[in-house]
C-alpha atoms as a PDB file:
ATOM      1  CA  MET A   1      27.325 -30.420  15.597  1.00  0.00           C
ATOM      2  CA  THR A   2      23.900 -29.295  15.806  1.00  0.00           C
ATOM      3  CA  SER A   3      20.993 -31.607  14.431  1.00  0.00           C
ATOM      4  CA  VAL A   4      17.648 -30.554  13.184  1.00  0.00           C
ATOM      5  CA  PHE A   5      14.643 -32.797  12.836  1.00  0.00           C
ATOM      6  CA  ILE A   6      12.414 -31.589  10.173  1.00  0.00           C
ATOM      7  CA  VAL A   7       8.656 -32.949  10.272  1.00  0.00           C
ATOM      8  CA  ASP A   8       6.455 -31.775   7.545  1.00  0.00           C
ATOM      9  CA  ASP A   9       4.326 -33.833   4.946  1.00  0.00           C
ATOM     10  CA  ASP A  10       5.444 -31.195   2.504  1.00  0.00           C
ATOM     11  CA  MET A  11       8.836 -32.607   0.927  1.00  0.00           C
ATOM     12  CA  SER A  12       9.512 -29.426  -0.775  1.00  0.00           C
ATOM     13  CA  LEU A  13       9.661 -27.678   2.597  1.00  0.00           C
ATOM     14  CA  HIS A  14      12.228 -30.283   3.734  1.00  0.00           C
ATOM     15  CA  THR A  15      14.606 -28.949   1.017  1.00  0.00           C
ATOM     16  CA  ILE A  16      13.596 -25.382   1.904  1.00  0.00           C
ATOM     17  CA  TYR A  17      14.303 -25.653   5.678  1.00  0.00           C
ATOM     18  CA  GLN A  18      17.569 -27.575   5.023  1.00  0.00           C
ATOM     19  CA  LEU A  19      18.832 -24.827   2.528  1.00  0.00           C
ATOM     20  CA  ILE A  20      17.903 -21.839   4.989  1.00  0.00           C
ATOM     21  CA  LEU A  21      19.458 -23.702   7.900  1.00  0.00           C
ATOM     22  CA  GLU A  22      22.744 -24.658   6.147  1.00  0.00           C
ATOM     23  CA  ARG A  23      23.360 -21.052   5.468  1.00  0.00           C
ATOM     24  CA  ALA A  24      22.829 -20.430   9.174  1.00  0.00           C
ATOM     25  CA  GLY A  25      25.311 -23.026  10.404  1.00  0.00           C
ATOM     26  CA  PHE A  26      23.416 -26.056  10.725  1.00  0.00           C
ATOM     27  CA  SER A  27      24.792 -29.334   9.286  1.00  0.00           C
ATOM     28  CA  GLU A  28      22.891 -32.372  10.472  1.00  0.00           C
ATOM     29  CA  PHE A  29      19.477 -33.094   9.258  1.00  0.00           C
ATOM     30  CA  ILE A  30      16.767 -35.746  10.241  1.00  0.00           C
ATOM     31  CA  PHE A  31      13.449 -35.681   8.078  1.00  0.00           C
ATOM     32  CA  ALA A  32      10.027 -37.302   8.647  1.00  0.00           C
ATOM     33  CA  SER A  33       6.892 -36.680   6.565  1.00  0.00           C
ATOM     34  CA  ASN A  34       4.179 -37.438   9.424  1.00  0.00           C
ATOM     35  CA  GLY A  35       3.913 -37.554  12.950  1.00  0.00           C
ATOM     36  CA  LYS A  36       4.004 -41.343  13.342  1.00  0.00           C
ATOM     37  CA  GLU A  37       7.391 -41.427  11.375  1.00  0.00           C
ATOM     38  CA  ALA A  38       8.459 -38.576  13.715  1.00  0.00           C
ATOM     39  CA  VAL A  39       7.920 -40.224  16.725  1.00  0.00           C
ATOM     40  CA  GLU A  40       9.549 -43.559  15.689  1.00  0.00           C
ATOM     41  CA  LYS A  41      12.560 -41.700  14.398  1.00  0.00           C
ATOM     42  CA  TYR A  42      12.896 -39.580  17.601  1.00  0.00           C
ATOM     43  CA  ILE A  43      12.785 -42.555  19.832  1.00  0.00           C
ATOM     44  CA  LYS A  44      15.364 -44.457  17.531  1.00  0.00           C
ATOM     45  CA  PHE A  45      17.664 -41.370  17.180  1.00  0.00           C
ATOM     46  CA  ASN A  46      21.100 -41.705  18.953  1.00  0.00           C
ATOM     47  CA  GLY A  47      20.835 -38.814  21.109  1.00  0.00           C
ATOM     48  CA  SER A  48      18.163 -36.265  20.882  1.00  0.00           C
ATOM     49  CA  PRO A  49      17.963 -33.782  17.954  1.00  0.00           C
ATOM     50  CA  ASP A  50      18.796 -30.487  19.082  1.00  0.00           C
ATOM     51  CA  ILE A  51      15.617 -28.926  17.681  1.00  0.00           C
ATOM     52  CA  ILE A  52      12.415 -30.305  16.062  1.00  0.00           C
ATOM     53  CA  LEU A  53      10.579 -28.209  13.300  1.00  0.00           C
ATOM     54  CA  MET A  54       6.956 -29.548  13.431  1.00  0.00           C
ATOM     55  CA  ASP A  55       4.211 -29.196  11.135  1.00  0.00           C
ATOM     56  CA  HIS A  56       0.463 -29.423  12.571  1.00  0.00           C
ATOM     57  CA  ARG A  57      -1.549 -31.264   9.788  1.00  0.00           C
ATOM     58  CA  MET A  58      -0.027 -34.404   8.520  1.00  0.00           C
ATOM     59  CA  PRO A  59      -1.179 -37.767   7.644  1.00  0.00           C
ATOM     60  CA  LEU A  60      -1.101 -40.857  10.122  1.00  0.00           C
ATOM     61  CA  MET A  61      -0.617 -38.813  13.393  1.00  0.00           C
ATOM     62  CA  SER A  62      -0.885 -35.088  13.634  1.00  0.00           C
ATOM     63  CA  GLY A  63       1.973 -32.696  14.832  1.00  0.00           C
ATOM     64  CA  ILE A  64       0.135 -32.397  18.124  1.00  0.00           C
ATOM     65  CA  ASP A  65      -0.060 -35.913  18.793  1.00  0.00           C
ATOM     66  CA  ALA A  66       3.630 -36.325  17.771  1.00  0.00           C
ATOM     67  CA  LEU A  67       4.393 -33.317  20.139  1.00  0.00           C
ATOM     68  CA  ILE A  68       2.607 -35.130  23.206  1.00  0.00           C
ATOM     69  CA  GLU A  69       4.445 -38.389  22.385  1.00  0.00           C
ATOM     70  CA  ILE A  70       7.975 -36.919  21.897  1.00  0.00           C
ATOM     71  CA  LEU A  71       7.694 -34.984  25.091  1.00  0.00           C
ATOM     72  CA  ALA A  72       6.448 -38.174  27.085  1.00  0.00           C
ATOM     73  CA  PHE A  73       9.703 -39.671  25.978  1.00  0.00           C
ATOM     74  CA  ASN A  74      11.732 -36.404  26.509  1.00  0.00           C
ATOM     75  CA  LYS A  75      10.170 -33.706  28.422  1.00  0.00           C
ATOM     76  CA  ASN A  76      13.232 -31.321  27.322  1.00  0.00           C
ATOM     77  CA  ALA A  77      12.664 -31.640  23.671  1.00  0.00           C
ATOM     78  CA  LYS A  78      12.726 -28.385  21.929  1.00  0.00           C
ATOM     79  CA  VAL A  79      10.015 -28.200  19.483  1.00  0.00           C
ATOM     80  CA  ILE A  80       9.029 -25.405  17.178  1.00  0.00           C
ATOM     81  CA  PHE A  81       5.695 -25.563  15.554  1.00  0.00           C
ATOM     82  CA  ILE A  82       5.482 -24.194  12.114  1.00  0.00           C
ATOM     83  CA  SER A  83       1.963 -24.158  10.667  1.00  0.00           C
ATOM     84  CA  ALA A  84      -0.510 -22.246   8.705  1.00  0.00           C
ATOM     85  CA  ASP A  85      -3.125 -23.280  11.213  1.00  0.00           C
ATOM     86  CA  GLU A  86      -2.750 -20.417  13.857  1.00  0.00           C
ATOM     87  CA  ALA A  87      -5.653 -21.760  15.881  1.00  0.00           C
ATOM     88  CA  VAL A  88      -3.413 -24.389  17.359  1.00  0.00           C
ATOM     89  CA  LYS A  89      -0.832 -21.991  18.710  1.00  0.00           C
ATOM     90  CA  GLU A  90      -2.119 -21.564  22.273  1.00  0.00           C
ATOM     91  CA  GLN A  91      -2.569 -25.419  22.326  1.00  0.00           C
ATOM     92  CA  THR A  92       0.999 -26.362  21.175  1.00  0.00           C
ATOM     93  CA  ILE A  93       2.622 -23.844  23.519  1.00  0.00           C
ATOM     94  CA  ALA A  94       0.359 -25.030  26.435  1.00  0.00           C
ATOM     95  CA  LEU A  95       1.298 -28.820  25.680  1.00  0.00           C
ATOM     96  CA  GLY A  96       5.339 -27.782  25.659  1.00  0.00           C
ATOM     97  CA  ALA A  97       6.169 -26.516  22.165  1.00  0.00           C
ATOM     98  CA  ARG A  98       9.015 -23.777  22.680  1.00  0.00           C
ATOM     99  CA  GLY A  99       7.633 -21.589  19.801  1.00  0.00           C
ATOM    100  CA  PHE A 100       5.105 -21.330  16.988  1.00  0.00           C
ATOM    101  CA  ILE A 101       5.748 -19.855  13.528  1.00  0.00           C
ATOM    102  CA  LYS A 102       2.698 -19.345  11.158  1.00  0.00           C
ATOM    103  CA  LYS A 103       3.121 -20.178   7.587  1.00  0.00           C
ATOM    104  CA  PRO A 104       4.064 -18.789   5.429  1.00  0.00           C
ATOM    105  CA  PHE A 105       7.075 -17.435   7.352  1.00  0.00           C
ATOM    106  CA  ASP A 106       9.681 -14.954   7.076  1.00  0.00           C
ATOM    107  CA  ILE A 107      13.133 -16.562   7.043  1.00  0.00           C
ATOM    108  CA  HIS A 108      14.456 -14.039   9.398  1.00  0.00           C
ATOM    109  CA  GLN A 109      11.702 -14.713  11.816  1.00  0.00           C
ATOM    110  CA  LEU A 110      12.460 -18.355  11.427  1.00  0.00           C
ATOM    111  CA  LEU A 111      16.119 -17.925  12.429  1.00  0.00           C
ATOM    112  CA  ILE A 112      15.332 -15.650  15.283  1.00  0.00           C
ATOM    113  CA  VAL A 113      12.844 -18.112  16.964  1.00  0.00           C
ATOM    114  CA  ILE A 114      15.409 -20.942  16.561  1.00  0.00           C
ATOM    115  CA  LYS A 115      18.017 -18.742  18.023  1.00  0.00           C
ATOM    116  CA  ASN A 116      15.867 -18.040  20.766  1.00  0.00           C
ATOM    117  CA  VAL A 117      14.641 -21.479  21.429  1.00  0.00           C
ATOM    118  CA  MET A 118      18.276 -22.998  21.330  1.00  0.00           C
ATOM    119  CA  ASN A 119      20.094 -19.997  23.126  1.00  0.00           C
ATOM    120  CA  LEU A 120      22.559 -20.054  20.054  1.00  0.00           C
ATOM    121  CA  GLU A 121      24.594 -17.596  18.299  1.00  0.00           C
ATOM    122  CA  ILE A 122      23.654 -18.373  14.750  1.00  0.00           C
ATOM    123  CA  LYS A 123      24.021 -16.634  11.498  1.00  0.00           C
ATOM    124  CA  ILE A 124      20.992 -14.421  10.586  1.00  0.00           C
END
């Protein structure tokens, strides 16, 4: 079973990501609405999520700060940033994010990036 951790303060995106990824064969989802909650849930999660989809601008803690803390806890965490703020792309990749997708995104692009990061065969 492949687990996806979705971190975004826009709750409607939680639903959209889940619907897209369920059709692609993913079945286990964890959600957080800010970076602080993401770090807390990541540390408590029994076994690391297979992939993390992370927004940048969120209340309490940004996606970049959450990325730094998550990678300090597990340097092998697979984080893909999905943000409208393309100015942070180079920074997130330099810090250890495995990919960056600019919002608004194309569903096909999302699935290709996830497939490449996870090295999986998924339905596209």
